Amino acid sequence: MRWAPESRLRRGGAQDGWPTLRGDLNWGLKLACPWSIVSICGVKNLQRNIKAVIRAGEEDGYVAECVEIAVVTQGHTLDETIANLREAVQLHLEGENPADFGLVAHPTLLVTMELEPAYA
């Protein structure tokens, strides 16, 4: 079985050896990659990363907030904030099935920092 780049995703039949998925309207869908099969069949695509944003606190320090899960923490320094974020995520997922949150078994943290631009 061959897989095509995304540009090859199109309607059509089983000609050219491309895998075809038949729908209710009886037309074929040429699949672009194995992940298309997973998403079309209704199996969840699990994320490998938990995204978090760190920004300056209102008064002082920093606030970290996860995008996918309900975790918010803070710290006086960036190092403290990141350590608190790791601990808070660990405690939030402890005893839970990460797949229930749409995550792989041992997700990593992907942290973005929001900064105010410096004006002259």
N, C-alpha and C. Protein backbone atom coordinates (compact mmCIF):
# COMPACT_ATOMS: atom_id res chain seq x y z
N MET A 1 0.85 -1.18 0.00
CA MET A 1 0.00 0.00 0.00
C MET A 1 0.89 1.24 0.00
N ARG A 2 0.58 2.21 -0.83
CA ARG A 2 1.36 3.44 -0.92
C ARG A 2 0.61 4.57 -0.22
N TRP A 3 1.36 5.50 0.35
CA TRP A 3 0.76 6.69 0.97
C TRP A 3 1.22 7.90 0.19
N ALA A 4 0.31 8.87 0.06
CA ALA A 4 0.61 10.05 -0.74
C ALA A 4 0.77 11.26 0.14
N PRO A 5 1.44 12.29 -0.36
CA PRO A 5 1.43 13.56 0.38
C PRO A 5 0.01 14.11 0.41
N GLU A 6 -0.22 15.05 1.29
CA GLU A 6 -1.56 15.59 1.50
C GLU A 6 -2.21 16.08 0.21
N SER A 7 -1.44 16.56 -0.74
CA SER A 7 -2.00 17.06 -1.99
C SER A 7 -2.70 15.96 -2.78
N ARG A 8 -2.42 14.69 -2.45
CA ARG A 8 -3.04 13.59 -3.18
C ARG A 8 -4.40 13.20 -2.59
N LEU A 9 -4.83 13.85 -1.52
CA LEU A 9 -6.13 13.57 -0.92
C LEU A 9 -7.22 14.07 -1.86
N ARG A 10 -8.01 13.15 -2.41
CA ARG A 10 -9.03 13.56 -3.36
C ARG A 10 -10.08 12.47 -3.49
N ARG A 11 -11.19 12.83 -4.14
CA ARG A 11 -12.24 11.85 -4.43
C ARG A 11 -11.79 10.99 -5.59
N GLY A 12 -12.24 9.75 -5.60
CA GLY A 12 -11.91 8.89 -6.72
C GLY A 12 -12.12 7.44 -6.37
N GLY A 13 -11.76 6.57 -7.26
CA GLY A 13 -11.94 5.14 -7.05
C GLY A 13 -10.64 4.50 -6.61
N ALA A 14 -10.59 3.17 -6.74
CA ALA A 14 -9.42 2.42 -6.29
C ALA A 14 -8.37 2.32 -7.37
N GLN A 15 -8.50 3.08 -8.45
CA GLN A 15 -7.50 3.02 -9.51
C GLN A 15 -6.15 3.50 -8.98
N ASP A 16 -5.10 3.18 -9.65
CA ASP A 16 -3.73 3.58 -9.31
C ASP A 16 -3.23 2.97 -8.00
N GLY A 17 -3.93 2.00 -7.45
CA GLY A 17 -3.46 1.33 -6.24
C GLY A 17 -3.61 2.13 -4.96
N TRP A 18 -4.33 3.25 -5.00
CA TRP A 18 -4.52 4.06 -3.80
C TRP A 18 -5.64 3.47 -2.96
N PRO A 19 -5.49 3.47 -1.63
CA PRO A 19 -6.58 2.98 -0.77
C PRO A 19 -7.81 3.86 -0.92
N THR A 20 -8.97 3.25 -0.85
CA THR A 20 -10.22 3.97 -1.04
C THR A 20 -11.15 3.67 0.11
N LEU A 21 -11.87 4.68 0.57
CA LEU A 21 -12.87 4.51 1.61
C LEU A 21 -14.20 4.89 1.00
N ARG A 22 -15.17 4.00 1.03
CA ARG A 22 -16.47 4.25 0.44
C ARG A 22 -17.38 4.93 1.47
N GLY A 23 -18.08 5.97 1.05
CA GLY A 23 -18.98 6.70 1.94
C GLY A 23 -20.43 6.44 1.59
N ASP A 24 -21.35 7.12 2.27
CA ASP A 24 -22.77 6.95 2.04
C ASP A 24 -23.18 7.35 0.63
N LEU A 25 -22.46 8.29 0.03
CA LEU A 25 -22.80 8.76 -1.31
C LEU A 25 -22.16 7.91 -2.39
N ASN A 26 -21.52 6.81 -1.98
CA ASN A 26 -20.92 5.86 -2.90
C ASN A 26 -19.83 6.47 -3.78
N TRP A 27 -19.04 7.39 -3.21
CA TRP A 27 -17.86 7.89 -3.90
C TRP A 27 -16.66 7.61 -3.02
N GLY A 28 -15.53 7.41 -3.63
CA GLY A 28 -14.33 7.02 -2.89
C GLY A 28 -13.56 8.22 -2.40
N LEU A 29 -12.85 8.06 -1.31
CA LEU A 29 -11.98 9.09 -0.77
C LEU A 29 -10.58 8.52 -0.72
N LYS A 30 -9.66 9.11 -1.44
CA LYS A 30 -8.28 8.62 -1.42
C LYS A 30 -7.60 9.16 -0.18
N LEU A 31 -7.02 8.27 0.59
CA LEU A 31 -6.43 8.65 1.86
C LEU A 31 -5.01 9.15 1.68
N ALA A 32 -4.68 10.21 2.39
CA ALA A 32 -3.37 10.83 2.24
C ALA A 32 -2.30 10.15 3.08
N CYS A 33 -2.65 9.64 4.25
CA CYS A 33 -1.65 9.06 5.14
C CYS A 33 -2.34 8.14 6.13
N PRO A 34 -1.59 7.33 6.86
CA PRO A 34 -2.20 6.41 7.81
C PRO A 34 -3.00 7.12 8.90
N TRP A 35 -2.62 8.37 9.24
CA TRP A 35 -3.35 9.09 10.29
C TRP A 35 -4.75 9.43 9.83
N SER A 36 -4.96 9.58 8.51
CA SER A 36 -6.30 9.83 8.00
C SER A 36 -7.20 8.66 8.30
N ILE A 37 -6.65 7.45 8.19
CA ILE A 37 -7.44 6.26 8.47
C ILE A 37 -7.89 6.29 9.92
N VAL A 38 -6.97 6.64 10.81
CA VAL A 38 -7.29 6.67 12.24
C VAL A 38 -8.40 7.67 12.52
N SER A 39 -8.27 8.88 11.98
CA SER A 39 -9.27 9.90 12.28
C SER A 39 -10.60 9.61 11.61
N ILE A 40 -10.59 9.02 10.41
CA ILE A 40 -11.84 8.71 9.73
C ILE A 40 -12.57 7.58 10.43
N CYS A 41 -11.82 6.62 10.99
CA CYS A 41 -12.44 5.47 11.64
C CYS A 41 -12.95 5.81 13.04
N GLY A 42 -12.72 7.01 13.52
CA GLY A 42 -13.25 7.43 14.80
C GLY A 42 -12.34 7.16 15.98
N VAL A 43 -11.13 6.71 15.77
CA VAL A 43 -10.18 6.50 16.85
C VAL A 43 -9.52 7.83 17.15
N LYS A 44 -9.37 8.14 18.44
CA LYS A 44 -8.78 9.42 18.83
C LYS A 44 -7.32 9.52 18.44
N ASN A 45 -6.93 10.66 17.92
CA ASN A 45 -5.51 10.97 17.72
C ASN A 45 -5.01 11.56 19.03
N LEU A 46 -4.09 10.88 19.69
CA LEU A 46 -3.60 11.33 20.98
C LEU A 46 -2.44 12.30 20.80
N GLN A 47 -2.45 13.35 21.59
CA GLN A 47 -1.40 14.37 21.53
C GLN A 47 -0.19 13.95 22.35
N ARG A 48 0.99 14.29 21.85
CA ARG A 48 2.23 13.97 22.56
C ARG A 48 2.66 15.10 23.49
N ASN A 49 2.09 16.29 23.32
CA ASN A 49 2.48 17.45 24.10
C ASN A 49 1.30 18.05 24.84
N ILE A 50 1.58 18.57 26.01
CA ILE A 50 0.63 19.42 26.74
C ILE A 50 1.15 20.84 26.55
N LYS A 51 0.36 21.68 25.93
CA LYS A 51 0.80 23.05 25.67
C LYS A 51 0.49 23.94 26.88
N ALA A 52 1.45 24.77 27.24
CA ALA A 52 1.27 25.71 28.35
C ALA A 52 1.83 27.07 27.95
N VAL A 53 1.25 28.11 28.53
CA VAL A 53 1.69 29.48 28.27
C VAL A 53 2.11 30.09 29.61
N ILE A 54 3.29 30.71 29.62
CA ILE A 54 3.74 31.43 30.81
C ILE A 54 3.72 32.91 30.48
N ARG A 55 3.14 33.69 31.38
CA ARG A 55 3.09 35.14 31.18
C ARG A 55 3.36 35.82 32.52
N ALA A 56 3.70 37.09 32.46
CA ALA A 56 3.96 37.84 33.69
C ALA A 56 2.68 37.94 34.51
N GLY A 57 2.82 37.84 35.84
CA GLY A 57 1.68 37.98 36.72
C GLY A 57 1.21 39.42 36.79
N GLU A 58 0.03 39.63 37.33
CA GLU A 58 -0.52 41.00 37.39
C GLU A 58 0.30 41.89 38.32
N GLU A 59 0.74 41.35 39.44
CA GLU A 59 1.52 42.15 40.38
C GLU A 59 3.01 41.86 40.27
N ASP A 60 3.38 40.58 40.38
CA ASP A 60 4.77 40.18 40.21
C ASP A 60 4.81 38.68 39.91
N GLY A 61 5.98 38.17 39.56
CA GLY A 61 6.12 36.76 39.28
C GLY A 61 5.53 36.38 37.93
N TYR A 62 5.26 35.07 37.78
CA TYR A 62 4.77 34.54 36.52
C TYR A 62 3.59 33.59 36.76
N VAL A 63 2.74 33.47 35.75
CA VAL A 63 1.59 32.56 35.79
C VAL A 63 1.73 31.60 34.61
N ALA A 64 1.54 30.30 34.87
CA ALA A 64 1.57 29.28 33.81
C ALA A 64 0.19 28.65 33.71
N GLU A 65 -0.30 28.51 32.49
CA GLU A 65 -1.63 27.94 32.27
C GLU A 65 -1.57 26.95 31.12
N CYS A 66 -2.08 25.73 31.34
CA CYS A 66 -2.14 24.72 30.29
C CYS A 66 -3.33 24.98 29.39
N VAL A 67 -3.17 24.66 28.11
CA VAL A 67 -4.22 24.88 27.13
C VAL A 67 -5.23 23.73 27.13
N GLU A 68 -4.74 22.48 27.12
CA GLU A 68 -5.62 21.31 26.98
C GLU A 68 -6.24 20.82 28.28
N ILE A 69 -5.56 21.01 29.38
CA ILE A 69 -6.07 20.51 30.66
C ILE A 69 -6.20 21.67 31.64
N ALA A 70 -7.02 21.48 32.66
CA ALA A 70 -7.31 22.55 33.62
C ALA A 70 -6.22 22.65 34.68
N VAL A 71 -5.08 23.21 34.30
CA VAL A 71 -3.97 23.40 35.22
C VAL A 71 -3.49 24.84 35.11
N VAL A 72 -3.44 25.52 36.25
CA VAL A 72 -2.91 26.88 36.34
C VAL A 72 -2.05 26.93 37.59
N THR A 73 -0.87 27.53 37.48
CA THR A 73 0.02 27.66 38.63
C THR A 73 0.81 28.96 38.49
N GLN A 74 1.62 29.26 39.50
CA GLN A 74 2.40 30.49 39.47
C GLN A 74 3.71 30.30 40.20
N GLY A 75 4.60 31.28 40.08
CA GLY A 75 5.87 31.26 40.77
C GLY A 75 6.50 32.64 40.73
N HIS A 76 7.47 32.85 41.62
CA HIS A 76 8.16 34.14 41.67
C HIS A 76 9.19 34.28 40.56
N THR A 77 9.81 33.15 40.16
CA THR A 77 10.80 33.16 39.08
C THR A 77 10.34 32.20 37.99
N LEU A 78 11.00 32.28 36.83
CA LEU A 78 10.67 31.34 35.75
C LEU A 78 10.96 29.90 36.16
N ASP A 79 12.10 29.67 36.81
CA ASP A 79 12.45 28.32 37.25
C ASP A 79 11.41 27.76 38.21
N GLU A 80 10.98 28.57 39.16
CA GLU A 80 9.97 28.14 40.13
C GLU A 80 8.64 27.88 39.43
N THR A 81 8.28 28.73 38.48
CA THR A 81 7.02 28.56 37.75
C THR A 81 7.02 27.26 36.95
N ILE A 82 8.12 26.96 36.29
CA ILE A 82 8.22 25.72 35.51
C ILE A 82 8.19 24.50 36.42
N ALA A 83 8.88 24.56 37.55
CA ALA A 83 8.85 23.45 38.51
C ALA A 83 7.43 23.25 39.04
N ASN A 84 6.73 24.34 39.36
CA ASN A 84 5.35 24.25 39.83
C ASN A 84 4.43 23.69 38.75
N LEU A 85 4.68 24.08 37.49
CA LEU A 85 3.88 23.59 36.38
C LEU A 85 4.05 22.08 36.22
N ARG A 86 5.28 21.60 36.26
CA ARG A 86 5.53 20.16 36.17
C ARG A 86 4.79 19.40 37.28
N GLU A 87 4.91 19.91 38.50
CA GLU A 87 4.26 19.25 39.64
C GLU A 87 2.74 19.28 39.51
N ALA A 88 2.19 20.42 39.09
CA ALA A 88 0.74 20.54 38.95
C ALA A 88 0.19 19.61 37.88
N VAL A 89 0.90 19.49 36.75
CA VAL A 89 0.46 18.57 35.69
C VAL A 89 0.55 17.13 36.17
N GLN A 90 1.64 16.80 36.86
CA GLN A 90 1.79 15.44 37.39
C GLN A 90 0.66 15.10 38.35
N LEU A 91 0.33 16.01 39.25
CA LEU A 91 -0.75 15.77 40.20
C LEU A 91 -2.11 15.69 39.50
N HIS A 92 -2.30 16.50 38.47
CA HIS A 92 -3.58 16.50 37.74
C HIS A 92 -3.80 15.17 37.01
N LEU A 93 -2.72 14.59 36.47
CA LEU A 93 -2.85 13.35 35.70
C LEU A 93 -2.68 12.09 36.55
N GLU A 94 -2.27 12.26 37.81
CA GLU A 94 -2.02 11.12 38.69
C GLU A 94 -3.29 10.29 38.89
N GLY A 95 -3.18 9.00 38.62
CA GLY A 95 -4.32 8.10 38.80
C GLY A 95 -5.36 8.20 37.68
N GLU A 96 -5.09 9.01 36.67
CA GLU A 96 -6.02 9.18 35.55
C GLU A 96 -5.45 8.49 34.31
N ASN A 97 -6.32 8.19 33.38
CA ASN A 97 -5.88 7.67 32.08
C ASN A 97 -5.63 8.87 31.17
N PRO A 98 -4.39 9.11 30.75
CA PRO A 98 -4.12 10.28 29.91
C PRO A 98 -4.94 10.30 28.62
N ALA A 99 -5.32 9.13 28.11
CA ALA A 99 -6.13 9.06 26.88
C ALA A 99 -7.48 9.74 27.09
N ASP A 100 -7.98 9.78 28.33
CA ASP A 100 -9.24 10.48 28.61
C ASP A 100 -9.11 11.98 28.36
N PHE A 101 -7.88 12.48 28.41
CA PHE A 101 -7.60 13.89 28.13
C PHE A 101 -7.10 14.10 26.71
N GLY A 102 -7.05 13.01 25.92
CA GLY A 102 -6.56 13.08 24.55
C GLY A 102 -5.05 13.08 24.47
N LEU A 103 -4.37 12.49 25.48
CA LEU A 103 -2.91 12.52 25.57
C LEU A 103 -2.33 11.11 25.53
N VAL A 104 -1.09 10.99 25.04
CA VAL A 104 -0.37 9.73 25.09
C VAL A 104 0.01 9.43 26.55
N ALA A 105 0.58 8.26 26.79
CA ALA A 105 0.87 7.82 28.16
C ALA A 105 1.80 8.76 28.92
N HIS A 106 2.86 9.24 28.32
CA HIS A 106 3.80 10.13 29.01
C HIS A 106 4.03 11.38 28.16
N PRO A 107 3.08 12.33 28.20
CA PRO A 107 3.22 13.53 27.35
C PRO A 107 4.31 14.45 27.88
N THR A 108 4.85 15.25 26.98
CA THR A 108 5.83 16.27 27.37
C THR A 108 5.13 17.61 27.46
N LEU A 109 5.78 18.56 28.12
CA LEU A 109 5.26 19.92 28.21
C LEU A 109 5.90 20.78 27.13
N LEU A 110 5.09 21.49 26.39
CA LEU A 110 5.56 22.44 25.39
C LEU A 110 5.16 23.81 25.91
N VAL A 111 6.16 24.59 26.35
CA VAL A 111 5.90 25.85 27.03
C VAL A 111 6.23 27.03 26.11
N THR A 112 5.29 27.97 26.05
CA THR A 112 5.47 29.21 25.31
C THR A 112 5.42 30.35 26.32
N MET A 113 6.26 31.35 26.12
CA MET A 113 6.27 32.49 27.03
C MET A 113 5.73 33.71 26.31
N GLU A 114 4.81 34.38 26.97
CA GLU A 114 4.21 35.60 26.43
C GLU A 114 4.92 36.80 27.04
N LEU A 115 5.47 37.66 26.18
CA LEU A 115 6.21 38.82 26.66
C LEU A 115 5.62 40.11 26.11
N GLU A 116 5.71 41.16 26.90
CA GLU A 116 5.34 42.50 26.43
C GLU A 116 6.49 43.04 25.61
N PRO A 117 6.23 43.63 24.47
CA PRO A 117 7.34 44.21 23.70
C PRO A 117 7.92 45.43 24.41
N ALA A 118 9.20 45.66 24.19
CA ALA A 118 9.85 46.83 24.77
C ALA A 118 9.69 48.01 23.80
N TYR A 119 9.17 49.11 24.30
CA TYR A 119 8.98 50.31 23.48
C TYR A 119 10.02 51.35 23.85
N ALA A 120 10.51 52.09 22.87
CA ALA A 120 11.51 53.12 23.13
C ALA A 120 10.88 54.41 23.61
